[in-house]
Amino acid sequence: MTLPFHTLMVQGTTSDAGKSTIVAALCRLIKRRGVSVAPFKPQNMALNSAVTSDGGEIGRAQALQAMACGIAPHTDMNPVLLKPSSNTGAQVIIHGKVRAEMDARDYQQYKTIAMGAVLESYGRLRQQYQAVIVEGAGSPAEINLRARDIANMGFAEAVDCPVILVADIDRGGVFAHIIGTLACLSGSERARIVGFVINRFRGDISLLQPGVDWLEQQTGKPVLAVLPYLQGLFLDAEDAVEAMQAERGAFTVVVPQLPRISNHTDFDALRAHPGVDLRFIRQGQTIPPADLVILPGSKNTRGDLAWLQQQGWPAYLAKHLRYGGKVIGICGGFQMLGKSVRDPLGVEGAAGESDALGLLAMTTELTADKRLLQVSGQCAFKGAKDATVSGYEIHLGVSHGAALAQPAFLIDGRPEGAVSGDGQVLGSYLHGMFDTPAACSALLRWAGLESGHVVDTGALREASLERIADAAMPLLAALEGLEY
């Protein structure tokens, strides 16, 4: 297979237009043709991240796209990652490592430096792979963000690559989105758009044809493909918790939707389990009775802890445990289970100390250094029967206390996490603990669900990658026929 270009960028008229999925689909299709290919996202803003083979941190979408390519995720695939810690500030991660905490105004000035990191990573990928498929961020039509842009057309112009523009017809207004986006671009930027993709279409495609004809006549550019709305996909999301709601079985798992929830992909295996009714509880919602409560990861542990307390979760958890329920805390959620969380350096906001939930005999101190590690080992809690577990750690802070003497896991021989003396509360820094089928079954059994069903998240992701690749075959065929 010969592409008419070595680099292709996928941009969207809006956030969540389907850029990540289309990049993954193209990566899988190109891999099928025997061409070495890598994904690339210059700048990503997401609270769901993955640990890479070189010990760094990137957005989970790029890790999934690397899986589509059949290669290990690397920090060069997402050289700039922004993890929001407030409405105006974010942790800035360059080449997988924390560089600084910045507010939006300071980051605008920093973009010139960040572009250097972007071009450095892109250059390395170009040397290693025959094709690079690039994902934009948000929309290129954000006028207020166009100065020093590194995420969309700023990057495309810098490396002189063609762009396809994706619009989500399921949202409505697809033609206005495309025409409006073009109107916000410069002449050179419009010229490098080689065509459009209309995504998530359902219904009689013949009824869409008049609109397609009009769009092509108005713009002089082709609609490269109309892609179908695919339901039931099992793919890692960057941020959208709404897509994870699932009400299936009789075993109820409740998760507070923290304002700065991170790595909610931890719950994908539970979402797919037919015996589990997984519910995310937002601000102001009544908390329903549950068999298991899971406190998720957080990008701002003390801030989200205060939110839990304001929303009445301490009283709810006390009643839940009094009636025999179980509680799991993951990463930041694990830190919240202790007696206190200290942040002497102000790494997640104002320096200080917060009283925690007091469900585990331990304290946590946040530190400037972030632990990034892929790990594996065995479950150590009661009834686990040495079930294997694997996952990754992404966290600031170190926990100390008597609770750690009864670990939840043994990771490479070292104790990790904690289980309360009464066996009702379990905490761990381990993300992805439910992705290992044996560990998922053991954790659910510990929580009270006896089920013979095994969820293999790796197989589900692989099957979904094949589905989206099959659906995107017309797009690749159209791209192969282009001249640029």
Protein backbone atom coordinates (compact mmCIF):
# COMPACT_ATOMS: atom_id res chain seq x y z
CA MET A 1 0.00 0.00 0.00
CA THR A 2 1.23 3.50 -0.86
CA LEU A 3 -0.34 6.54 0.73
CA PRO A 4 -0.10 9.84 -1.13
CA PHE A 5 1.33 11.37 2.05
CA HIS A 6 3.50 10.20 4.97
CA THR A 7 1.55 12.22 7.56
CA LEU A 8 -2.19 12.82 7.81
CA MET A 9 -3.94 14.95 10.43
CA VAL A 10 -7.50 14.33 11.62
CA GLN A 11 -9.21 17.45 12.96
CA GLY A 12 -12.79 17.89 14.15
CA THR A 13 -15.39 20.61 13.93
CA THR A 14 -16.11 20.07 17.64
CA SER A 15 -14.76 18.19 20.61
CA ASP A 16 -15.88 14.54 20.62
CA ALA A 17 -16.55 14.54 16.87
CA GLY A 18 -14.85 11.14 16.71
CA LYS A 19 -11.24 12.11 15.99
CA SER A 20 -9.70 9.59 18.38
CA THR A 21 -11.76 6.72 16.97
CA ILE A 22 -11.04 7.61 13.35
CA VAL A 23 -7.30 7.86 14.04
CA ALA A 24 -7.42 4.42 15.70
CA ALA A 25 -9.38 3.00 12.75
CA LEU A 26 -6.94 4.38 10.17
CA CYS A 27 -3.99 3.11 12.21
CA ARG A 28 -5.45 -0.40 12.28
CA LEU A 29 -6.25 -0.34 8.53
CA ILE A 30 -2.75 0.85 7.62
CA LYS A 31 -1.22 -1.80 9.89
CA ARG A 32 -3.31 -4.45 8.09
CA ARG A 33 -1.62 -3.37 4.85
CA GLY A 34 1.81 -4.11 6.30
CA VAL A 35 2.84 -0.46 6.67
CA SER A 36 4.49 0.63 9.93
CA VAL A 37 2.36 3.37 11.45
CA ALA A 38 2.24 5.39 14.67
CA PRO A 39 -0.36 7.71 16.23
CA PHE A 40 0.47 11.24 17.29
CA LYS A 41 -1.37 13.94 19.22
CA PRO A 42 0.67 17.12 19.68
CA GLN A 43 -1.32 18.40 22.65
CA ASN A 44 -3.94 16.58 24.69
CA MET A 45 -6.07 17.83 27.56
CA ALA A 46 -7.43 14.84 29.49
CA LEU A 47 -7.61 13.37 32.97
CA ASN A 48 -7.46 9.80 31.67
CA SER A 49 -3.84 8.87 31.09
CA ALA A 50 -1.67 5.81 30.52
CA VAL A 51 1.86 4.82 31.51
CA THR A 52 4.17 4.26 28.54
CA SER A 53 6.93 1.76 27.85
CA ASP A 54 9.52 4.50 28.49
CA GLY A 55 8.07 5.33 31.92
CA GLY A 56 6.12 8.44 31.01
CA GLU A 57 2.50 9.53 30.85
CA ILE A 58 0.27 10.13 27.80
CA GLY A 59 -3.44 10.36 27.04
CA ARG A 60 -5.27 7.03 27.05
CA ALA A 61 -6.56 7.61 23.52
CA GLN A 62 -2.99 7.53 22.20
CA ALA A 63 -2.30 4.32 24.12
CA LEU A 64 -5.35 2.78 22.45
CA GLN A 65 -4.22 4.05 19.06
CA ALA A 66 -0.80 2.48 19.66
CA MET A 67 -2.62 -0.80 20.30
CA ALA A 68 -4.33 -0.33 16.94
CA CYS A 69 -0.89 0.02 15.36
CA GLY A 70 0.42 -3.08 17.15
CA ILE A 71 3.14 -1.12 18.94
CA ALA A 72 3.88 -0.13 22.54
CA PRO A 73 2.75 3.34 23.64
CA HIS A 74 5.55 5.90 23.89
CA THR A 75 5.71 9.47 25.19
CA ASP A 76 6.54 10.73 21.68
CA MET A 77 2.96 9.86 20.68
CA ASN A 78 1.61 12.63 22.96
CA PRO A 79 4.44 15.02 23.84
CA VAL A 80 2.24 17.61 25.57
CA LEU A 81 -0.42 16.47 28.05
CA LEU A 82 -2.46 18.92 30.09
CA LYS A 83 -4.24 17.58 33.18
CA PRO A 84 -6.70 20.18 34.54
CA SER A 85 -6.48 20.72 38.29
CA SER A 86 -8.93 23.63 38.42
CA ASN A 87 -11.13 25.67 36.09
CA THR A 88 -8.17 27.85 35.12
CA GLY A 89 -5.06 25.76 35.82
CA ALA A 90 -3.51 22.50 34.70
CA GLN A 91 -0.53 20.27 35.25
CA VAL A 92 1.71 20.53 32.18
CA ILE A 93 3.37 17.26 31.19
CA ILE A 94 6.12 17.36 28.55
CA HIS A 95 7.52 14.14 27.10
CA GLY A 96 5.74 12.16 29.80
CA LYS A 97 7.04 14.09 32.81
CA VAL A 98 5.50 16.89 34.88
CA ARG A 99 7.05 20.20 33.87
CA ALA A 100 4.95 22.71 35.82
CA GLU A 101 1.54 23.75 37.10
CA MET A 102 0.28 26.68 35.02
CA ASP A 103 -2.81 28.79 34.62
CA ALA A 104 -4.27 29.24 31.14
CA ARG A 105 -2.67 32.64 30.58
CA ASP A 106 0.82 31.42 31.44
CA TYR A 107 0.41 28.35 29.25
CA GLN A 108 -0.49 30.54 26.26
CA GLN A 109 2.97 32.08 26.56
CA TYR A 110 4.58 28.67 27.16
CA LYS A 111 3.21 27.23 23.91
CA THR A 112 6.27 28.41 21.96
CA ILE A 113 8.45 26.17 24.13
CA ALA A 114 5.92 23.35 23.99
CA MET A 115 5.98 23.46 20.18
CA GLY A 116 9.66 22.60 20.31
CA ALA A 117 8.84 19.42 22.24
CA VAL A 118 6.04 18.62 19.77
CA LEU A 119 8.26 18.92 16.70
CA GLU A 120 11.04 16.95 18.39
CA SER A 121 8.72 14.01 19.09
CA TYR A 122 7.13 14.17 15.64
CA GLY A 123 10.57 14.10 14.03
CA ARG A 124 11.51 10.93 15.89
CA LEU A 125 8.27 9.20 14.86
CA ARG A 126 8.79 10.20 11.23
CA GLN A 127 12.20 8.55 11.28
CA GLN A 128 10.86 5.31 12.80
CA TYR A 129 7.56 4.78 10.97
CA GLN A 130 6.36 4.87 7.38
CA ALA A 131 3.15 6.69 8.30
CA VAL A 132 2.07 8.98 11.15
CA ILE A 133 -1.63 9.62 11.78
CA VAL A 134 -2.12 12.79 13.81
CA GLU A 135 -5.09 13.72 15.98
CA GLY A 136 -6.03 17.32 16.55
CA ALA A 137 -7.56 18.66 19.75
CA GLY A 138 -11.00 20.21 20.07
CA SER A 139 -11.64 22.36 17.00
CA PRO A 140 -9.30 24.42 14.79
CA ALA A 141 -11.95 27.15 14.73
CA GLU A 142 -11.38 28.31 18.33
CA ILE A 143 -10.43 31.89 17.51
CA ASN A 144 -9.24 32.70 21.04
CA LEU A 145 -6.76 29.78 20.97
CA ARG A 146 -5.30 30.27 17.50
CA ALA A 147 -2.32 32.36 18.61
CA ARG A 148 0.71 30.06 19.02
CA ASP A 149 -1.49 27.06 18.21
CA ILE A 150 0.30 23.72 18.50
CA ALA A 151 -2.72 21.40 18.59
CA ASN A 152 -4.42 21.86 15.22
CA MET A 153 -3.57 24.01 12.20
CA GLY A 154 -0.50 25.45 13.88
CA PHE A 155 1.02 21.99 13.83
CA ALA A 156 -0.30 21.11 10.36
CA GLU A 157 1.21 24.28 8.92
CA ALA A 158 4.53 23.66 10.69
CA VAL A 159 5.00 20.18 9.22
CA ASP A 160 3.05 20.82 5.99
CA CYS A 161 0.65 17.89 6.25
CA PRO A 162 -2.84 17.40 4.78
CA VAL A 163 -5.90 17.49 7.03
CA ILE A 164 -9.27 15.76 7.00
CA LEU A 165 -12.10 17.44 8.88
CA VAL A 166 -14.54 15.28 10.87
CA ALA A 167 -18.05 16.36 11.84
CA ASP A 168 -20.57 14.48 14.00
CA ILE A 169 -23.96 14.34 12.29
CA ASP A 170 -25.59 12.78 15.36
CA ARG A 171 -25.26 16.15 17.13
CA GLY A 172 -27.15 17.94 14.36
CA GLY A 173 -26.03 20.93 12.31
CA VAL A 174 -23.29 19.00 10.53
CA PHE A 175 -23.19 21.22 7.43
CA ALA A 176 -23.13 24.41 9.50
CA HIS A 177 -20.30 22.97 11.58
CA ILE A 178 -18.20 22.30 8.49
CA ILE A 179 -18.94 25.58 6.69
CA GLY A 180 -18.48 27.56 9.91
CA THR A 181 -15.14 25.90 10.65
CA LEU A 182 -13.84 26.70 7.16
CA ALA A 183 -14.92 30.32 7.58
CA CYS A 184 -12.75 30.64 10.70
CA LEU A 185 -9.58 29.40 8.97
CA SER A 186 -6.99 31.24 6.92
CA GLY A 187 -6.67 30.61 3.20
CA SER A 188 -3.62 28.37 3.56
CA GLU A 189 -5.33 26.38 6.32
CA ARG A 190 -8.47 25.83 4.23
CA ALA A 191 -6.30 24.72 1.32
CA ARG A 192 -4.70 21.90 3.29
CA ILE A 193 -8.08 20.33 4.15
CA VAL A 194 -8.36 17.55 1.55
CA GLY A 195 -11.89 16.48 2.45
CA PHE A 196 -14.54 15.86 5.04
CA VAL A 197 -15.77 12.90 7.05
CA ILE A 198 -19.36 12.83 8.25
CA ASN A 199 -19.34 10.66 11.33
CA ARG A 200 -21.97 8.72 13.32
CA PHE A 201 -24.64 8.58 10.62
CA ARG A 202 -27.69 6.37 11.06
CA GLY A 203 -30.63 5.98 8.72
CA ASP A 204 -31.15 5.98 4.96
CA ILE A 205 -27.95 7.38 3.43
CA SER A 206 -29.78 8.31 0.23
CA LEU A 207 -31.59 11.00 2.20
CA LEU A 208 -28.23 12.56 3.05
CA GLN A 209 -27.01 12.76 -0.55
CA PRO A 210 -28.53 16.16 -1.39
CA GLY A 211 -26.68 17.64 1.57
CA VAL A 212 -23.43 15.98 0.54
CA ASP A 213 -23.80 17.32 -3.01
CA TRP A 214 -24.49 20.84 -1.71
CA LEU A 215 -21.49 20.73 0.65
CA GLU A 216 -19.12 19.61 -2.09
CA GLN A 217 -20.44 22.30 -4.44
CA GLN A 218 -20.12 25.02 -1.79
CA THR A 219 -16.60 24.10 -0.69
CA GLY A 220 -15.02 22.45 -3.71
CA LYS A 221 -13.88 19.66 -1.42
CA PRO A 222 -15.04 16.02 -1.33
CA VAL A 223 -16.91 14.20 1.38
CA LEU A 224 -14.45 11.33 1.73
CA ALA A 225 -16.72 9.06 3.73
CA VAL A 226 -19.94 8.87 5.69
CA LEU A 227 -19.22 6.61 8.67
CA PRO A 228 -21.94 4.75 10.56
CA TYR A 229 -22.97 5.14 14.17
CA LEU A 230 -21.49 2.07 15.89
CA GLN A 231 -23.04 1.03 19.17
CA GLY A 232 -21.51 -1.16 21.85
CA LEU A 233 -17.88 -0.17 21.24
CA PHE A 234 -15.43 -0.87 24.05
CA LEU A 235 -12.83 1.87 23.60
CA ASP A 236 -11.00 4.01 26.15
CA ALA A 237 -12.55 7.44 26.60
CA GLU A 238 -10.52 10.59 27.26
CA ASP A 239 -12.98 12.32 29.57
CA ALA A 240 -16.65 11.57 28.89
CA VAL A 241 -18.02 9.77 31.94
CA GLU A 242 -21.55 9.83 30.48
CA ALA A 243 -20.63 7.12 27.96
CA MET A 244 -19.84 4.78 30.83
CA GLN A 245 -23.27 4.59 32.44
CA ALA A 246 -24.50 1.00 32.50
CA GLU A 247 -27.44 -0.56 34.29
CA ARG A 248 -27.39 -4.32 33.83
CA GLY A 249 -27.21 -6.72 36.75
CA ALA A 250 -28.49 -6.85 40.28
CA PHE A 251 -25.13 -6.08 41.92
CA THR A 252 -24.99 -2.31 42.35
CA VAL A 253 -21.67 -0.46 42.19
CA VAL A 254 -21.79 3.26 42.98
CA VAL A 255 -19.02 5.71 42.02
CA PRO A 256 -19.05 9.40 43.00
CA GLN A 257 -18.39 11.49 39.89
CA LEU A 258 -15.77 13.73 41.43
CA PRO A 259 -15.26 17.17 39.87
CA ARG A 260 -11.67 16.17 38.99
CA ILE A 261 -12.22 12.46 38.48
CA SER A 262 -9.28 10.83 36.68
CA ASN A 263 -8.77 7.52 34.93
CA HIS A 264 -12.44 6.55 35.05
CA THR A 265 -11.45 3.90 32.49
CA ASP A 266 -10.71 1.88 35.65
CA PHE A 267 -14.41 1.00 35.56
CA ASP A 268 -14.69 -0.17 31.95
CA ALA A 269 -14.55 -3.84 32.96
CA LEU A 270 -17.40 -3.31 35.43
CA ARG A 271 -19.40 -1.45 32.77
CA ALA A 272 -19.08 -4.55 30.56
CA HIS A 273 -19.97 -7.07 33.28
CA PRO A 274 -23.56 -8.38 32.86
CA GLY A 275 -23.96 -8.91 36.60
CA VAL A 276 -23.06 -5.32 37.54
CA ASP A 277 -25.23 -2.20 37.63
CA LEU A 278 -22.62 0.59 37.50
CA ARG A 279 -23.81 4.06 38.51
CA PHE A 280 -21.93 7.36 38.58
CA ILE A 281 -23.43 9.83 41.05
CA ARG A 282 -23.16 13.49 40.16
CA GLN A 283 -23.46 16.56 42.33
CA GLY A 284 -26.85 16.89 43.95
CA GLN A 285 -28.06 13.41 43.03
CA THR A 286 -29.50 11.11 45.68
CA ILE A 287 -27.03 8.35 46.44
CA PRO A 288 -28.78 4.99 46.00
CA PRO A 289 -28.21 1.87 48.12
CA ALA A 290 -25.23 -0.10 46.85
CA ASP A 291 -23.37 -3.36 47.32
CA LEU A 292 -20.02 -1.75 46.55
CA VAL A 293 -18.85 1.89 46.59
CA ILE A 294 -15.69 2.78 44.70
CA LEU A 295 -13.91 6.10 45.23
CA PRO A 296 -12.10 6.84 41.94
CA GLY A 297 -8.85 8.57 41.14
CA SER A 298 -8.63 12.35 41.39
CA LYS A 299 -6.47 15.09 39.92
CA ASN A 300 -7.15 17.19 43.02
CA THR A 301 -7.46 14.89 46.03
CA ARG A 302 -8.10 17.50 48.72
CA GLY A 303 -10.51 19.47 46.54
CA ASP A 304 -12.51 16.37 45.62
CA LEU A 305 -12.42 15.21 49.25
CA ALA A 306 -14.06 18.49 50.25
CA TRP A 307 -16.67 17.91 47.53
CA LEU A 308 -17.42 14.43 48.94
CA GLN A 309 -17.89 15.88 52.38
CA GLN A 310 -20.18 18.65 51.09
CA GLN A 311 -22.29 16.11 49.19
CA GLY A 312 -22.92 13.98 52.29
CA TRP A 313 -20.79 10.99 51.35
CA PRO A 314 -19.21 10.44 54.82
CA ALA A 315 -22.62 9.80 56.42
CA TYR A 316 -23.65 7.63 53.47
CA LEU A 317 -20.46 5.55 53.71
CA ALA A 318 -20.88 5.09 57.46
CA LYS A 319 -24.40 3.69 56.93
CA HIS A 320 -23.26 1.62 53.95
CA LEU A 321 -20.53 -0.04 56.03
CA ARG A 322 -22.80 -0.47 59.05
CA TYR A 323 -25.10 -2.61 56.90
CA GLY A 324 -22.23 -4.74 55.58
CA GLY A 325 -21.37 -2.94 52.34
CA LYS A 326 -17.86 -2.83 50.88
CA VAL A 327 -15.72 0.15 49.83
CA ILE A 328 -12.76 0.35 47.44
CA GLY A 329 -10.56 3.42 46.95
CA ILE A 330 -8.32 3.77 43.90
CA CYS A 331 -5.33 6.14 43.85
CA GLY A 332 -6.72 9.51 45.02
CA GLY A 333 -9.75 7.63 46.31
CA PHE A 334 -7.37 5.44 48.33
CA GLN A 335 -5.77 8.55 49.85
CA MET A 336 -9.22 9.84 50.82
CA LEU A 337 -9.89 6.67 52.85
CA GLY A 338 -7.16 7.56 55.37
CA LYS A 339 -7.14 9.94 58.30
CA SER A 340 -5.67 12.97 56.54
CA VAL A 341 -4.12 14.23 53.30
CA ARG A 342 -1.30 16.78 53.56
CA ASP A 343 -0.05 18.95 50.71
CA PRO A 344 2.83 20.95 52.23
CA LEU A 345 4.19 22.08 48.84
CA GLY A 346 0.85 23.04 47.33
CA VAL A 347 1.28 20.66 44.40
CA GLU A 348 -2.50 20.37 43.88
CA GLY A 349 -3.54 23.84 44.97
CA ALA A 350 -3.16 25.79 48.21
CA ALA A 351 -0.75 24.18 50.66
CA GLY A 352 -2.39 22.67 53.72
CA GLU A 353 -3.88 19.58 55.32
CA SER A 354 -7.37 18.09 55.09
CA ASP A 355 -9.13 15.62 57.32
CA ALA A 356 -9.98 12.53 55.28
CA LEU A 357 -12.69 9.89 55.71
CA GLY A 358 -10.93 7.97 58.48
CA LEU A 359 -11.77 4.50 57.13
CA LEU A 360 -8.15 3.32 57.02
CA ALA A 361 -5.44 3.89 59.63
CA MET A 362 -3.03 5.86 57.45
CA THR A 363 -2.07 9.36 56.37
CA THR A 364 -0.88 10.66 53.01
CA GLU A 365 1.55 13.42 52.11
CA LEU A 366 1.51 14.72 48.54
CA THR A 367 4.93 15.14 46.96
CA ALA A 368 6.31 16.92 43.92
CA ASP A 369 7.52 13.72 42.27
CA LYS A 370 4.97 11.64 40.39
CA ARG A 371 5.20 7.84 40.45
CA LEU A 372 4.71 6.35 36.96
CA LEU A 373 5.00 2.59 36.72
CA GLN A 374 3.49 -0.44 34.99
CA VAL A 375 3.14 -3.22 37.57
CA SER A 376 1.96 -6.78 38.08
CA GLY A 377 1.60 -9.18 40.98
CA GLN A 378 -0.98 -11.07 43.05
CA CYS A 379 -4.09 -10.17 45.02
CA ALA A 380 -3.51 -10.47 48.78
CA PHE A 381 -6.97 -9.77 50.22
CA LYS A 382 -9.11 -12.50 51.79
CA GLY A 383 -10.52 -15.03 49.34
CA ALA A 384 -8.37 -13.85 46.43
CA LYS A 385 -6.59 -17.22 46.12
CA ASP A 386 -3.44 -15.51 44.79
CA ALA A 387 -5.29 -14.22 41.72
CA THR A 388 -2.97 -12.34 39.36
CA VAL A 389 -3.31 -8.60 38.84
CA SER A 390 -1.66 -6.04 36.58
CA GLY A 391 -2.08 -2.32 36.08
CA TYR A 392 -0.25 0.95 36.44
CA GLU A 393 0.50 3.63 39.00
CA ILE A 394 0.14 7.36 38.29
CA HIS A 395 0.13 9.35 41.51
CA LEU A 396 1.64 12.04 43.66
CA GLY A 397 2.07 11.26 47.32
CA VAL A 398 3.20 8.64 49.81
CA SER A 399 0.97 6.94 52.38
CA HIS A 400 2.05 5.74 55.82
CA GLY A 401 0.28 3.97 58.65
CA ALA A 402 -0.75 0.75 60.35
CA ALA A 403 -3.34 -0.06 57.65
CA LEU A 404 -0.54 -0.79 55.16
CA ALA A 405 0.52 -3.80 57.24
CA GLN A 406 -2.46 -5.64 55.72
CA PRO A 407 -1.91 -5.07 51.97
CA ALA A 408 -4.42 -5.46 49.18
CA PHE A 409 -1.84 -6.70 46.66
CA LEU A 410 1.69 -8.00 46.45
CA ILE A 411 3.39 -6.20 43.56
CA ASP A 412 6.71 -7.74 42.54
CA GLY A 413 6.91 -9.10 46.07
CA ARG A 414 6.28 -5.76 47.83
CA PRO A 415 3.08 -5.03 49.78
CA GLU A 416 0.78 -2.51 48.10
CA GLY A 417 -2.43 -0.90 49.26
CA ALA A 418 -4.39 -1.75 52.39
CA VAL A 419 -7.39 -3.68 53.72
CA SER A 420 -9.19 -2.64 56.90
CA GLY A 421 -9.19 -4.91 59.93
CA ASP A 422 -12.87 -5.77 59.46
CA GLY A 423 -12.28 -6.61 55.80
CA GLN A 424 -14.85 -4.12 54.48
CA VAL A 425 -12.55 -1.41 53.08
CA LEU A 426 -9.84 -1.89 50.47
CA GLY A 427 -7.56 0.74 48.98
CA SER A 428 -4.79 0.75 46.39
CA TYR A 429 -2.75 3.01 44.12
CA LEU A 430 -3.22 0.47 41.33
CA HIS A 431 -5.14 1.71 38.30
CA GLY A 432 -6.57 -0.93 35.97
CA MET A 433 -7.05 -3.53 38.70
CA PHE A 434 -10.36 -4.68 37.16
CA ASP A 435 -8.79 -5.18 33.71
CA THR A 436 -7.13 -8.44 34.75
CA PRO A 437 -9.94 -11.04 34.58
CA ALA A 438 -8.71 -13.02 37.61
CA ALA A 439 -8.36 -9.88 39.75
CA CYS A 440 -11.75 -8.55 38.62
CA SER A 441 -13.46 -11.79 39.60
CA ALA A 442 -11.64 -11.87 42.95
CA LEU A 443 -12.50 -8.25 43.78
CA LEU A 444 -16.16 -8.72 42.91
CA ARG A 445 -16.25 -11.93 44.95
CA TRP A 446 -14.67 -10.04 47.89
CA ALA A 447 -17.39 -7.41 47.49
CA GLY A 448 -20.16 -10.02 47.46
CA LEU A 449 -20.77 -10.94 43.80
CA GLU A 450 -20.27 -14.59 42.94
CA SER A 451 -20.22 -14.79 39.17
CA GLY A 452 -18.76 -17.16 36.65
CA HIS A 453 -18.66 -14.43 34.01
CA VAL A 454 -15.18 -13.27 33.01
CA VAL A 455 -14.63 -9.87 31.37
CA ASP A 456 -11.57 -9.77 29.11
CA THR A 457 -11.09 -6.06 28.43
CA GLY A 458 -8.15 -6.68 26.09
CA ALA A 459 -10.25 -8.90 23.85
CA LEU A 460 -13.14 -6.41 23.93
CA ARG A 461 -10.86 -3.53 22.89
CA GLU A 462 -9.33 -5.62 20.12
CA ALA A 463 -12.75 -6.60 18.77
CA SER A 464 -13.84 -2.95 18.81
CA LEU A 465 -10.70 -1.86 16.95
CA GLU A 466 -11.50 -4.39 14.25
CA ARG A 467 -15.08 -3.11 14.02
CA ILE A 468 -14.12 0.53 13.60
CA ALA A 469 -11.42 -0.40 11.08
CA ASP A 470 -13.91 -2.36 8.98
CA ALA A 471 -16.32 0.58 9.06
CA ALA A 472 -13.58 3.03 8.00
CA MET A 473 -12.44 1.07 4.93
CA PRO A 474 -14.24 3.46 2.52
CA LEU A 475 -12.35 6.36 4.09
CA LEU A 476 -8.96 4.76 3.53
CA ALA A 477 -9.91 3.91 -0.06
CA ALA A 478 -10.84 7.54 -0.67
CA LEU A 479 -7.60 8.75 0.87
CA GLU A 480 -5.54 6.43 -1.32
CA GLY A 481 -7.15 7.99 -4.38
CA LEU A 482 -6.21 11.57 -3.44
CA GLU A 483 -3.30 13.62 -4.72
CA TYR A 484 -1.60 16.07 -2.41
